[in-house]
Amino acid sequence: MRAVVQRVSRASVRVGGEITGSIETGLLVLLGVAHDDQESDADYLAEKIVGLRIFEDSEGKMNRSVIDIGGAILAVSQFTLFGDVRRGKRPSFDAAARLERAKELYDYFVGRIRALRVRCETGVFQAMMEVELVNSGPVTILIDSSKAF
């Protein structure tokens, strides 16, 4: 499982012109699911993301988590995080999970975030979405459950 985590002052996602998820201060998480991912990958990412200390404390140091600041998470599925362009210019998505499994693990990930007592808004799985955000910092962190980077 792969995540692009962005610290935001606000973020929202629209489907067909309607907002399906919106947050103020918190994290936008773009989430990709690989074909061999398991629930343990989602557990790892959920706990890592909720605990990330990327919000500033009173001394201006990144030392607080989304829980510490009372923030929220906007989780958006994005299979293109597994796009492979090493063999050309058109991405291959062979490493991405099949639709049913990807949705199952995306939903499980969202459930884990909520179980960790963080409000989690979402996009619509497999829909064409428009994501708007104001990246605060900017701060962007890449996380891979297989620790590829």
N, C-alpha and C. Protein backbone atom coordinates (compact mmCIF):
# COMPACT_ATOMS: atom_id res chain seq x y z
N MET A 1 0.85 -1.17 0.00
CA MET A 1 0.00 0.00 0.00
C MET A 1 0.89 1.23 0.00
N ARG A 2 0.44 2.22 -0.70
CA ARG A 2 1.21 3.44 -0.85
C ARG A 2 0.33 4.64 -0.51
N ALA A 3 0.95 5.63 0.15
CA ALA A 3 0.20 6.84 0.48
C ALA A 3 1.05 8.07 0.20
N VAL A 4 0.40 9.07 -0.34
CA VAL A 4 0.96 10.41 -0.43
C VAL A 4 0.18 11.20 0.61
N VAL A 5 0.89 11.71 1.62
CA VAL A 5 0.25 12.41 2.74
C VAL A 5 0.64 13.87 2.65
N GLN A 6 -0.37 14.73 2.59
CA GLN A 6 -0.11 16.16 2.50
C GLN A 6 -0.76 16.87 3.68
N ARG A 7 0.04 17.71 4.36
CA ARG A 7 -0.49 18.52 5.45
C ARG A 7 -1.26 19.67 4.81
N VAL A 8 -2.53 19.82 5.20
CA VAL A 8 -3.38 20.82 4.54
C VAL A 8 -4.05 21.74 5.55
N SER A 9 -4.33 22.95 5.08
CA SER A 9 -5.17 23.85 5.87
C SER A 9 -6.63 23.66 5.48
N ARG A 10 -6.85 23.09 4.29
CA ARG A 10 -8.18 22.66 3.88
C ARG A 10 -8.05 21.77 2.64
N ALA A 11 -9.02 20.89 2.48
CA ALA A 11 -9.05 20.01 1.30
C ALA A 11 -10.48 19.52 1.10
N SER A 12 -10.80 19.26 -0.16
CA SER A 12 -12.12 18.72 -0.47
C SER A 12 -12.04 17.89 -1.73
N VAL A 13 -13.04 17.06 -1.91
CA VAL A 13 -13.14 16.25 -3.11
C VAL A 13 -14.57 16.35 -3.62
N ARG A 14 -14.69 16.51 -4.95
CA ARG A 14 -15.99 16.61 -5.61
C ARG A 14 -16.15 15.46 -6.61
N VAL A 15 -17.37 14.99 -6.69
CA VAL A 15 -17.75 14.00 -7.70
C VAL A 15 -19.02 14.52 -8.36
N GLY A 16 -18.97 14.71 -9.67
CA GLY A 16 -20.13 15.22 -10.38
C GLY A 16 -20.58 16.58 -9.88
N GLY A 17 -19.63 17.40 -9.46
CA GLY A 17 -19.94 18.74 -9.00
C GLY A 17 -20.36 18.83 -7.54
N GLU A 18 -20.54 17.70 -6.87
CA GLU A 18 -20.95 17.70 -5.46
C GLU A 18 -19.80 17.32 -4.56
N ILE A 19 -19.66 18.04 -3.45
CA ILE A 19 -18.61 17.73 -2.47
C ILE A 19 -18.99 16.44 -1.75
N THR A 20 -18.07 15.46 -1.78
CA THR A 20 -18.30 14.20 -1.08
C THR A 20 -17.50 14.10 0.20
N GLY A 21 -16.47 14.92 0.32
CA GLY A 21 -15.65 14.96 1.52
C GLY A 21 -14.94 16.29 1.61
N SER A 22 -14.84 16.81 2.83
CA SER A 22 -14.20 18.11 3.02
C SER A 22 -13.65 18.19 4.43
N ILE A 23 -12.44 18.73 4.57
CA ILE A 23 -11.83 18.93 5.89
C ILE A 23 -11.19 20.31 5.95
N GLU A 24 -10.98 20.76 7.16
CA GLU A 24 -10.15 21.94 7.39
C GLU A 24 -8.76 21.41 7.73
N THR A 25 -8.12 21.91 8.74
CA THR A 25 -6.76 21.51 9.09
C THR A 25 -6.66 20.00 9.28
N GLY A 26 -5.68 19.41 8.62
CA GLY A 26 -5.48 17.97 8.75
C GLY A 26 -4.60 17.43 7.65
N LEU A 27 -4.95 16.23 7.19
CA LEU A 27 -4.14 15.52 6.20
C LEU A 27 -4.99 15.06 5.02
N LEU A 28 -4.49 15.30 3.83
CA LEU A 28 -5.05 14.68 2.63
C LEU A 28 -4.20 13.45 2.37
N VAL A 29 -4.85 12.30 2.26
CA VAL A 29 -4.14 11.05 2.01
C VAL A 29 -4.63 10.47 0.68
N LEU A 30 -3.72 10.41 -0.28
CA LEU A 30 -3.99 9.72 -1.54
C LEU A 30 -3.49 8.30 -1.33
N LEU A 31 -4.36 7.31 -1.51
CA LEU A 31 -4.04 5.94 -1.14
C LEU A 31 -4.12 5.00 -2.33
N GLY A 32 -3.04 4.26 -2.57
CA GLY A 32 -3.01 3.25 -3.61
C GLY A 32 -2.85 1.87 -3.00
N VAL A 33 -3.53 0.88 -3.57
CA VAL A 33 -3.49 -0.48 -3.06
C VAL A 33 -2.83 -1.38 -4.10
N ALA A 34 -1.83 -2.14 -3.67
CA ALA A 34 -1.13 -3.08 -4.56
C ALA A 34 -1.82 -4.44 -4.54
N HIS A 35 -1.57 -5.23 -5.57
CA HIS A 35 -2.23 -6.53 -5.72
C HIS A 35 -1.92 -7.50 -4.59
N ASP A 36 -0.79 -7.34 -3.91
CA ASP A 36 -0.45 -8.27 -2.84
C ASP A 36 -0.64 -7.68 -1.44
N ASP A 37 -1.31 -6.54 -1.33
CA ASP A 37 -1.53 -5.92 -0.03
C ASP A 37 -2.54 -6.71 0.80
N GLN A 38 -2.37 -6.62 2.11
CA GLN A 38 -3.23 -7.29 3.08
C GLN A 38 -3.73 -6.27 4.09
N GLU A 39 -4.61 -6.69 4.98
CA GLU A 39 -5.10 -5.80 6.04
C GLU A 39 -3.95 -5.27 6.90
N SER A 40 -2.91 -6.07 7.07
CA SER A 40 -1.77 -5.62 7.87
C SER A 40 -1.09 -4.40 7.25
N ASP A 41 -1.12 -4.28 5.92
CA ASP A 41 -0.57 -3.10 5.25
C ASP A 41 -1.40 -1.87 5.58
N ALA A 42 -2.72 -2.04 5.57
CA ALA A 42 -3.62 -0.93 5.91
C ALA A 42 -3.46 -0.54 7.37
N ASP A 43 -3.31 -1.53 8.25
CA ASP A 43 -3.08 -1.25 9.67
C ASP A 43 -1.82 -0.41 9.86
N TYR A 44 -0.75 -0.84 9.20
CA TYR A 44 0.53 -0.14 9.30
C TYR A 44 0.39 1.32 8.84
N LEU A 45 -0.21 1.51 7.67
CA LEU A 45 -0.34 2.87 7.14
C LEU A 45 -1.24 3.73 8.01
N ALA A 46 -2.36 3.19 8.46
CA ALA A 46 -3.29 3.97 9.29
C ALA A 46 -2.59 4.44 10.56
N GLU A 47 -1.91 3.54 11.23
CA GLU A 47 -1.23 3.91 12.48
C GLU A 47 -0.07 4.88 12.23
N LYS A 48 0.66 4.67 11.16
CA LYS A 48 1.77 5.56 10.82
C LYS A 48 1.25 6.96 10.51
N ILE A 49 0.22 7.05 9.70
CA ILE A 49 -0.31 8.35 9.27
C ILE A 49 -0.92 9.11 10.44
N VAL A 50 -1.72 8.44 11.24
CA VAL A 50 -2.35 9.10 12.39
C VAL A 50 -1.28 9.59 13.38
N GLY A 51 -0.18 8.88 13.48
CA GLY A 51 0.88 9.25 14.41
C GLY A 51 1.94 10.18 13.86
N LEU A 52 1.90 10.47 12.55
CA LEU A 52 2.92 11.34 11.96
C LEU A 52 2.99 12.68 12.67
N ARG A 53 4.16 13.04 13.11
CA ARG A 53 4.35 14.32 13.81
C ARG A 53 4.83 15.35 12.80
N ILE A 54 3.88 15.89 12.02
CA ILE A 54 4.24 16.84 10.97
C ILE A 54 3.53 18.18 11.13
N PHE A 55 2.90 18.38 12.29
CA PHE A 55 2.30 19.68 12.60
C PHE A 55 3.17 20.37 13.63
N GLU A 56 3.26 21.68 13.52
CA GLU A 56 4.17 22.44 14.38
C GLU A 56 3.65 22.56 15.80
N ASP A 57 4.61 22.52 16.75
CA ASP A 57 4.30 22.78 18.14
C ASP A 57 4.49 24.27 18.42
N SER A 58 4.43 24.66 19.68
CA SER A 58 4.55 26.07 20.04
C SER A 58 5.92 26.66 19.72
N GLU A 59 6.91 25.81 19.51
CA GLU A 59 8.26 26.28 19.17
C GLU A 59 8.53 26.23 17.67
N GLY A 60 7.51 25.90 16.88
CA GLY A 60 7.66 25.87 15.43
C GLY A 60 8.28 24.60 14.89
N LYS A 61 8.42 23.57 15.72
CA LYS A 61 9.00 22.30 15.28
C LYS A 61 7.89 21.32 14.94
N MET A 62 8.13 20.51 13.91
CA MET A 62 7.17 19.46 13.57
C MET A 62 7.21 18.43 14.68
N ASN A 63 6.20 18.49 15.54
CA ASN A 63 6.23 17.64 16.72
C ASN A 63 4.83 17.18 17.14
N ARG A 64 3.80 17.54 16.35
CA ARG A 64 2.44 17.19 16.72
C ARG A 64 1.78 16.39 15.60
N SER A 65 0.89 15.48 16.01
CA SER A 65 0.18 14.62 15.05
C SER A 65 -1.20 15.21 14.76
N VAL A 66 -1.89 14.61 13.82
CA VAL A 66 -3.25 15.03 13.48
C VAL A 66 -4.17 14.85 14.70
N ILE A 67 -3.91 13.86 15.51
CA ILE A 67 -4.69 13.69 16.75
C ILE A 67 -4.41 14.84 17.70
N ASP A 68 -3.12 15.18 17.87
CA ASP A 68 -2.74 16.25 18.80
C ASP A 68 -3.40 17.58 18.48
N ILE A 69 -3.60 17.86 17.19
CA ILE A 69 -4.16 19.15 16.79
C ILE A 69 -5.68 19.10 16.63
N GLY A 70 -6.28 17.92 16.79
CA GLY A 70 -7.72 17.77 16.60
C GLY A 70 -8.13 17.91 15.15
N GLY A 71 -7.22 17.49 14.25
CA GLY A 71 -7.47 17.60 12.81
C GLY A 71 -8.22 16.40 12.26
N ALA A 72 -8.41 16.41 10.95
CA ALA A 72 -9.14 15.35 10.26
C ALA A 72 -8.32 14.85 9.08
N ILE A 73 -8.78 13.77 8.49
CA ILE A 73 -8.13 13.17 7.32
C ILE A 73 -9.15 13.08 6.20
N LEU A 74 -8.71 13.42 5.00
CA LEU A 74 -9.49 13.20 3.78
C LEU A 74 -8.75 12.12 3.01
N ALA A 75 -9.36 10.93 2.90
CA ALA A 75 -8.74 9.79 2.23
C ALA A 75 -9.35 9.62 0.83
N VAL A 76 -8.47 9.62 -0.17
CA VAL A 76 -8.90 9.52 -1.56
C VAL A 76 -8.18 8.35 -2.21
N SER A 77 -8.93 7.42 -2.78
CA SER A 77 -8.29 6.28 -3.45
C SER A 77 -7.62 6.76 -4.74
N GLN A 78 -6.43 6.20 -5.00
CA GLN A 78 -5.70 6.62 -6.20
C GLN A 78 -4.81 5.48 -6.68
N PHE A 79 -5.36 4.64 -7.55
CA PHE A 79 -4.61 3.48 -8.06
C PHE A 79 -3.37 3.91 -8.86
N THR A 80 -3.38 5.14 -9.36
CA THR A 80 -2.25 5.59 -10.18
C THR A 80 -0.95 5.71 -9.38
N LEU A 81 -1.02 5.60 -8.06
CA LEU A 81 0.22 5.59 -7.27
C LEU A 81 1.07 4.37 -7.59
N PHE A 82 0.46 3.37 -8.22
CA PHE A 82 1.21 2.18 -8.65
C PHE A 82 1.48 2.19 -10.15
N GLY A 83 1.37 3.35 -10.77
CA GLY A 83 1.73 3.48 -12.18
C GLY A 83 3.23 3.32 -12.36
N ASP A 84 3.63 2.44 -13.24
CA ASP A 84 5.05 2.15 -13.49
C ASP A 84 5.42 2.67 -14.88
N VAL A 85 6.34 3.63 -14.93
CA VAL A 85 6.75 4.21 -16.21
C VAL A 85 8.23 3.90 -16.52
N ARG A 86 8.76 2.87 -15.90
CA ARG A 86 10.17 2.53 -16.14
C ARG A 86 10.41 2.00 -17.55
N ARG A 87 9.38 1.44 -18.20
CA ARG A 87 9.56 0.85 -19.52
C ARG A 87 8.95 1.67 -20.64
N GLY A 88 8.77 2.92 -20.43
CA GLY A 88 8.18 3.75 -21.46
C GLY A 88 7.52 4.97 -20.87
N LYS A 89 6.63 5.55 -21.64
CA LYS A 89 5.98 6.78 -21.20
C LYS A 89 4.52 6.59 -20.83
N ARG A 90 3.97 5.44 -21.21
CA ARG A 90 2.59 5.14 -20.81
C ARG A 90 2.65 4.25 -19.59
N PRO A 91 1.99 4.67 -18.49
CA PRO A 91 2.09 3.89 -17.25
C PRO A 91 1.44 2.51 -17.35
N SER A 92 2.07 1.56 -16.70
CA SER A 92 1.50 0.23 -16.52
C SER A 92 0.97 0.18 -15.08
N PHE A 93 -0.20 -0.39 -14.91
CA PHE A 93 -0.78 -0.48 -13.57
C PHE A 93 -0.87 -1.93 -13.10
N ASP A 94 0.03 -2.77 -13.60
CA ASP A 94 0.03 -4.19 -13.25
C ASP A 94 0.16 -4.44 -11.75
N ALA A 95 0.85 -3.55 -11.03
CA ALA A 95 1.07 -3.75 -9.60
C ALA A 95 -0.14 -3.36 -8.76
N ALA A 96 -1.09 -2.63 -9.34
CA ALA A 96 -2.27 -2.19 -8.60
C ALA A 96 -3.22 -3.36 -8.36
N ALA A 97 -3.91 -3.31 -7.22
CA ALA A 97 -4.87 -4.36 -6.87
C ALA A 97 -6.07 -4.33 -7.81
N ARG A 98 -6.68 -5.48 -7.96
CA ARG A 98 -7.94 -5.55 -8.72
C ARG A 98 -9.01 -4.76 -7.97
N LEU A 99 -9.99 -4.31 -8.71
CA LEU A 99 -11.02 -3.41 -8.21
C LEU A 99 -11.64 -3.84 -6.87
N GLU A 100 -12.12 -5.07 -6.79
CA GLU A 100 -12.82 -5.53 -5.59
C GLU A 100 -11.90 -5.52 -4.37
N ARG A 101 -10.68 -6.00 -4.55
CA ARG A 101 -9.74 -6.06 -3.43
C ARG A 101 -9.30 -4.66 -3.03
N ALA A 102 -9.08 -3.79 -4.01
CA ALA A 102 -8.67 -2.42 -3.71
C ALA A 102 -9.74 -1.71 -2.89
N LYS A 103 -11.00 -1.87 -3.29
CA LYS A 103 -12.10 -1.22 -2.55
C LYS A 103 -12.18 -1.77 -1.13
N GLU A 104 -12.06 -3.07 -1.01
CA GLU A 104 -12.12 -3.71 0.30
C GLU A 104 -11.03 -3.14 1.23
N LEU A 105 -9.81 -3.03 0.74
CA LEU A 105 -8.72 -2.53 1.58
C LEU A 105 -8.79 -1.02 1.80
N TYR A 106 -9.28 -0.28 0.82
CA TYR A 106 -9.49 1.16 1.00
C TYR A 106 -10.51 1.38 2.12
N ASP A 107 -11.64 0.67 2.05
CA ASP A 107 -12.67 0.79 3.08
C ASP A 107 -12.13 0.37 4.45
N TYR A 108 -11.33 -0.68 4.46
CA TYR A 108 -10.73 -1.14 5.72
C TYR A 108 -9.80 -0.05 6.28
N PHE A 109 -8.99 0.57 5.43
CA PHE A 109 -8.09 1.64 5.85
C PHE A 109 -8.89 2.79 6.47
N VAL A 110 -9.95 3.22 5.82
CA VAL A 110 -10.79 4.31 6.34
C VAL A 110 -11.36 3.91 7.70
N GLY A 111 -11.81 2.68 7.82
CA GLY A 111 -12.32 2.17 9.10
C GLY A 111 -11.27 2.20 10.20
N ARG A 112 -10.04 1.85 9.84
CA ARG A 112 -8.94 1.87 10.82
C ARG A 112 -8.64 3.30 11.28
N ILE A 113 -8.66 4.26 10.36
CA ILE A 113 -8.44 5.66 10.73
C ILE A 113 -9.53 6.08 11.73
N ARG A 114 -10.77 5.76 11.42
CA ARG A 114 -11.88 6.14 12.29
C ARG A 114 -11.80 5.43 13.64
N ALA A 115 -11.34 4.18 13.63
CA ALA A 115 -11.16 3.44 14.89
C ALA A 115 -10.08 4.07 15.77
N LEU A 116 -9.16 4.78 15.14
CA LEU A 116 -8.11 5.49 15.88
C LEU A 116 -8.58 6.87 16.33
N ARG A 117 -9.87 7.11 16.21
CA ARG A 117 -10.55 8.32 16.70
C ARG A 117 -10.17 9.59 15.96
N VAL A 118 -10.00 9.44 14.64
CA VAL A 118 -9.74 10.60 13.79
C VAL A 118 -10.89 10.67 12.79
N ARG A 119 -11.49 11.85 12.65
CA ARG A 119 -12.54 12.03 11.65
C ARG A 119 -11.93 11.81 10.27
N CYS A 120 -12.58 10.98 9.47
CA CYS A 120 -12.05 10.66 8.15
C CYS A 120 -13.15 10.82 7.11
N GLU A 121 -12.95 11.80 6.23
CA GLU A 121 -13.83 12.03 5.10
C GLU A 121 -13.26 11.26 3.90
N THR A 122 -14.08 11.04 2.89
CA THR A 122 -13.62 10.25 1.75
C THR A 122 -14.10 10.83 0.42
N GLY A 123 -13.47 10.33 -0.62
CA GLY A 123 -13.95 10.53 -1.97
C GLY A 123 -14.91 9.40 -2.28
N VAL A 124 -15.11 9.13 -3.56
CA VAL A 124 -15.97 8.02 -3.99
C VAL A 124 -15.08 7.05 -4.77
N PHE A 125 -14.98 5.84 -4.28
CA PHE A 125 -14.10 4.85 -4.90
C PHE A 125 -14.46 4.67 -6.36
N GLN A 126 -13.46 4.68 -7.23
CA GLN A 126 -13.53 4.46 -8.67
C GLN A 126 -14.25 5.56 -9.44
N ALA A 127 -14.57 6.66 -8.78
CA ALA A 127 -15.22 7.77 -9.48
C ALA A 127 -14.16 8.72 -10.02
N MET A 128 -14.53 9.52 -11.02
CA MET A 128 -13.69 10.61 -11.47
C MET A 128 -13.88 11.73 -10.45
N MET A 129 -12.78 12.08 -9.77
CA MET A 129 -12.87 13.04 -8.67
C MET A 129 -12.04 14.28 -8.98
N GLU A 130 -12.48 15.39 -8.41
CA GLU A 130 -11.72 16.63 -8.43
C GLU A 130 -11.30 16.92 -7.00
N VAL A 131 -10.00 16.92 -6.76
CA VAL A 131 -9.48 17.14 -5.42
C VAL A 131 -8.88 18.53 -5.35
N GLU A 132 -9.31 19.30 -4.36
CA GLU A 132 -8.75 20.62 -4.12
C GLU A 132 -8.10 20.62 -2.75
N LEU A 133 -6.94 21.28 -2.66
CA LEU A 133 -6.27 21.35 -1.38
C LEU A 133 -5.41 22.59 -1.29
N VAL A 134 -5.17 22.98 -0.05
CA VAL A 134 -4.17 23.99 0.23
C VAL A 134 -3.13 23.28 1.08
N ASN A 135 -1.98 22.98 0.47
CA ASN A 135 -0.90 22.27 1.13
C ASN A 135 -0.21 23.26 2.05
N SER A 136 -0.20 22.98 3.33
CA SER A 136 0.36 23.87 4.33
C SER A 136 1.83 23.55 4.53
N GLY A 137 2.68 24.47 4.16
CA GLY A 137 4.12 24.29 4.35
C GLY A 137 4.93 24.66 3.13
N PRO A 138 4.89 23.94 2.08
CA PRO A 138 4.18 22.67 1.86
C PRO A 138 4.88 21.51 2.58
N VAL A 139 4.07 20.58 3.02
CA VAL A 139 4.58 19.35 3.62
C VAL A 139 3.92 18.18 2.91
N THR A 140 4.74 17.32 2.30
CA THR A 140 4.26 16.12 1.61
C THR A 140 5.18 14.96 1.99
N ILE A 141 4.56 13.87 2.46
CA ILE A 141 5.31 12.69 2.89
C ILE A 141 4.84 11.49 2.08
N LEU A 142 5.78 10.67 1.62
CA LEU A 142 5.46 9.43 0.92
C LEU A 142 5.68 8.26 1.87
N ILE A 143 4.71 7.35 1.90
CA ILE A 143 4.82 6.17 2.77
C ILE A 143 4.42 4.94 1.97
N ASP A 144 5.18 3.88 2.10
CA ASP A 144 4.89 2.61 1.43
C ASP A 144 4.94 1.51 2.49
N SER A 145 3.89 0.71 2.56
CA SER A 145 3.83 -0.32 3.61
C SER A 145 4.90 -1.38 3.45
N SER A 146 5.44 -1.55 2.24
CA SER A 146 6.54 -2.51 2.04
C SER A 146 7.89 -1.84 2.27
N LYS A 147 7.85 -0.57 2.66
CA LYS A 147 9.03 0.22 2.97
C LYS A 147 9.97 0.32 1.77
N ALA A 148 9.36 0.45 0.57
CA ALA A 148 10.13 0.58 -0.66
C ALA A 148 10.87 1.91 -0.72
N PHE A 149 10.41 2.87 0.03
CA PHE A 149 11.09 4.17 0.15
C PHE A 149 10.79 4.77 1.48
